[in-house]
Every structure is written in structure tokens, then in C-alpha cells.
Amino acid sequence: MAEKKIKVTLVKGLMGTKQDHRATVRGLGLKRRNHTVELIDTPAVRGMINKVSYLVKCEG
């Protein structure tokens, strides 16, 4: 059975954001604006996306 994947895109820059939010974005594997990564849908990843939801766009 294949795991469900989520596409996450960084849509805003990190200037002026909190240090732990920057670390969360880095933990998701995002490096710069408009960078997209494909991640496995787990509760941990969902929590990270929820924390920085104002910075990222998520497609299921």
C-alpha cells in the first residue's frame, strides 16, 4: 500500500518570522520561496504544516 503524499510550497519569505517557525520550515525541507517538496502524510508533518500555515500552501 502506497503512502499518501502532500505537496507543500513555501509561498512567503521568512524575513521577520519567529526563529522556531524558520526551523519548522527548514524541517519540512523548504529552502526558498516557491520551493515545493513532496512529503508523506503523517501526523507530525501535519502538525508542522499547521504551525506555519501562514507561510505555506498545501495540496493533497
N, C-alpha and C. Protein backbone atom coordinates (compact mmCIF):
# COMPACT_ATOMS: atom_id res chain seq x y z
N MET A 1 0.84 -1.19 0.00
CA MET A 1 0.00 0.00 0.00
C MET A 1 0.88 1.24 0.00
N ALA A 2 0.63 2.15 -0.92
CA ALA A 2 1.43 3.37 -1.03
C ALA A 2 0.97 4.41 -0.01
N GLU A 3 1.95 5.12 0.54
CA GLU A 3 1.61 6.17 1.49
C GLU A 3 1.06 7.38 0.75
N LYS A 4 0.14 8.09 1.41
CA LYS A 4 -0.41 9.29 0.82
C LYS A 4 0.62 10.41 0.91
N LYS A 5 0.74 11.19 -0.15
CA LYS A 5 1.73 12.26 -0.22
C LYS A 5 1.05 13.62 -0.19
N ILE A 6 1.77 14.62 0.31
CA ILE A 6 1.30 16.00 0.36
C ILE A 6 2.35 16.86 -0.33
N LYS A 7 1.92 17.79 -1.19
CA LYS A 7 2.83 18.76 -1.77
C LYS A 7 2.75 20.04 -0.95
N VAL A 8 3.89 20.50 -0.47
CA VAL A 8 3.96 21.71 0.36
C VAL A 8 4.84 22.72 -0.36
N THR A 9 4.34 23.96 -0.50
CA THR A 9 5.07 25.03 -1.17
C THR A 9 5.21 26.21 -0.23
N LEU A 10 6.40 26.76 -0.14
CA LEU A 10 6.64 27.97 0.64
C LEU A 10 6.21 29.16 -0.20
N VAL A 11 5.18 29.89 0.24
CA VAL A 11 4.64 30.99 -0.56
C VAL A 11 5.04 32.36 -0.02
N LYS A 12 5.54 32.44 1.19
CA LYS A 12 6.00 33.71 1.77
C LYS A 12 7.44 33.56 2.22
N GLY A 13 8.16 34.66 2.23
CA GLY A 13 9.53 34.66 2.71
C GLY A 13 9.59 34.54 4.22
N LEU A 14 10.78 34.26 4.73
CA LEU A 14 10.95 34.02 6.16
C LEU A 14 11.44 35.26 6.92
N MET A 15 11.64 36.37 6.25
CA MET A 15 12.10 37.58 6.93
C MET A 15 11.05 38.03 7.95
N GLY A 16 11.49 38.28 9.17
CA GLY A 16 10.60 38.79 10.20
C GLY A 16 9.79 37.73 10.91
N THR A 17 10.03 36.44 10.63
CA THR A 17 9.28 35.39 11.30
C THR A 17 10.05 34.92 12.53
N LYS A 18 9.37 34.18 13.39
CA LYS A 18 9.99 33.66 14.60
C LYS A 18 11.03 32.60 14.25
N GLN A 19 12.02 32.48 15.12
CA GLN A 19 13.11 31.54 14.88
C GLN A 19 12.62 30.10 14.82
N ASP A 20 11.67 29.73 15.69
CA ASP A 20 11.19 28.34 15.66
C ASP A 20 10.33 28.07 14.43
N HIS A 21 9.68 29.10 13.87
CA HIS A 21 8.93 28.91 12.64
C HIS A 21 9.89 28.71 11.47
N ARG A 22 11.01 29.42 11.47
CA ARG A 22 12.02 29.20 10.43
C ARG A 22 12.58 27.79 10.51
N ALA A 23 12.79 27.32 11.73
CA ALA A 23 13.30 25.96 11.91
C ALA A 23 12.28 24.93 11.44
N THR A 24 11.01 25.19 11.66
CA THR A 24 9.96 24.27 11.21
C THR A 24 9.92 24.20 9.69
N VAL A 25 10.03 25.36 9.03
CA VAL A 25 10.05 25.39 7.56
C VAL A 25 11.25 24.61 7.04
N ARG A 26 12.41 24.79 7.70
CA ARG A 26 13.62 24.06 7.30
C ARG A 26 13.42 22.56 7.52
N GLY A 27 12.74 22.19 8.62
CA GLY A 27 12.47 20.79 8.91
C GLY A 27 11.55 20.14 7.88
N LEU A 28 10.70 20.94 7.27
CA LEU A 28 9.84 20.43 6.19
C LEU A 28 10.62 20.24 4.89
N GLY A 29 11.84 20.78 4.84
CA GLY A 29 12.67 20.63 3.65
C GLY A 29 12.55 21.77 2.67
N LEU A 30 11.92 22.87 3.08
CA LEU A 30 11.75 24.02 2.20
C LEU A 30 12.93 24.97 2.37
N LYS A 31 13.48 25.45 1.24
CA LYS A 31 14.68 26.26 1.29
C LYS A 31 14.45 27.71 0.91
N ARG A 32 13.56 27.98 -0.02
CA ARG A 32 13.36 29.35 -0.51
C ARG A 32 11.91 29.50 -0.98
N ARG A 33 11.51 30.73 -1.26
CA ARG A 33 10.14 30.97 -1.74
C ARG A 33 9.87 30.20 -3.02
N ASN A 34 8.66 29.72 -3.15
CA ASN A 34 8.18 28.94 -4.29
C ASN A 34 8.86 27.58 -4.44
N HIS A 35 9.56 27.14 -3.41
CA HIS A 35 10.16 25.81 -3.40
C HIS A 35 9.09 24.81 -2.96
N THR A 36 8.95 23.71 -3.66
CA THR A 36 7.94 22.70 -3.37
C THR A 36 8.60 21.38 -3.01
N VAL A 37 8.08 20.74 -1.98
CA VAL A 37 8.55 19.40 -1.61
C VAL A 37 7.34 18.49 -1.49
N GLU A 38 7.56 17.20 -1.68
CA GLU A 38 6.51 16.20 -1.54
C GLU A 38 6.83 15.37 -0.31
N LEU A 39 5.90 15.36 0.65
CA LEU A 39 6.12 14.69 1.93
C LEU A 39 5.06 13.63 2.16
N ILE A 40 5.41 12.63 2.96
CA ILE A 40 4.44 11.60 3.35
C ILE A 40 3.51 12.20 4.39
N ASP A 41 2.22 11.93 4.25
CA ASP A 41 1.20 12.48 5.13
C ASP A 41 1.20 11.74 6.47
N THR A 42 1.83 12.35 7.49
CA THR A 42 1.85 11.80 8.84
C THR A 42 1.35 12.86 9.81
N PRO A 43 0.94 12.47 11.00
CA PRO A 43 0.51 13.48 11.98
C PRO A 43 1.59 14.50 12.32
N ALA A 44 2.86 14.08 12.34
CA ALA A 44 3.95 15.00 12.64
C ALA A 44 4.09 16.07 11.55
N VAL A 45 4.01 15.64 10.29
CA VAL A 45 4.11 16.58 9.18
C VAL A 45 2.91 17.51 9.18
N ARG A 46 1.72 16.98 9.46
CA ARG A 46 0.52 17.81 9.53
C ARG A 46 0.65 18.89 10.61
N GLY A 47 1.21 18.52 11.75
CA GLY A 47 1.42 19.48 12.82
C GLY A 47 2.39 20.58 12.43
N MET A 48 3.45 20.21 11.73
CA MET A 48 4.42 21.21 11.26
C MET A 48 3.78 22.16 10.26
N ILE A 49 2.98 21.62 9.35
CA ILE A 49 2.28 22.45 8.36
C ILE A 49 1.30 23.38 9.06
N ASN A 50 0.60 22.87 10.05
CA ASN A 50 -0.36 23.68 10.79
C ASN A 50 0.32 24.84 11.51
N LYS A 51 1.51 24.60 12.03
CA LYS A 51 2.24 25.62 12.77
C LYS A 51 2.63 26.79 11.88
N VAL A 52 3.02 26.51 10.65
CA VAL A 52 3.47 27.57 9.74
C VAL A 52 2.50 27.72 8.56
N SER A 53 1.21 27.55 8.83
CA SER A 53 0.21 27.57 7.77
C SER A 53 0.13 28.91 7.05
N TYR A 54 0.54 29.99 7.73
CA TYR A 54 0.51 31.31 7.10
C TYR A 54 1.67 31.51 6.12
N LEU A 55 2.61 30.58 6.09
CA LEU A 55 3.77 30.68 5.19
C LEU A 55 3.71 29.69 4.02
N VAL A 56 2.92 28.63 4.16
CA VAL A 56 2.96 27.56 3.16
C VAL A 56 1.59 27.33 2.53
N LYS A 57 1.62 26.67 1.36
CA LYS A 57 0.41 26.22 0.69
C LYS A 57 0.51 24.71 0.59
N CYS A 58 -0.58 24.02 0.91
CA CYS A 58 -0.58 22.57 0.96
C CYS A 58 -1.58 22.02 -0.05
N GLU A 59 -1.14 21.03 -0.85
CA GLU A 59 -2.01 20.35 -1.80
C GLU A 59 -1.97 18.86 -1.51
N GLY A 60 -3.12 18.27 -1.40
CA GLY A 60 -3.19 16.86 -1.04
C GLY A 60 -3.26 15.99 -2.22
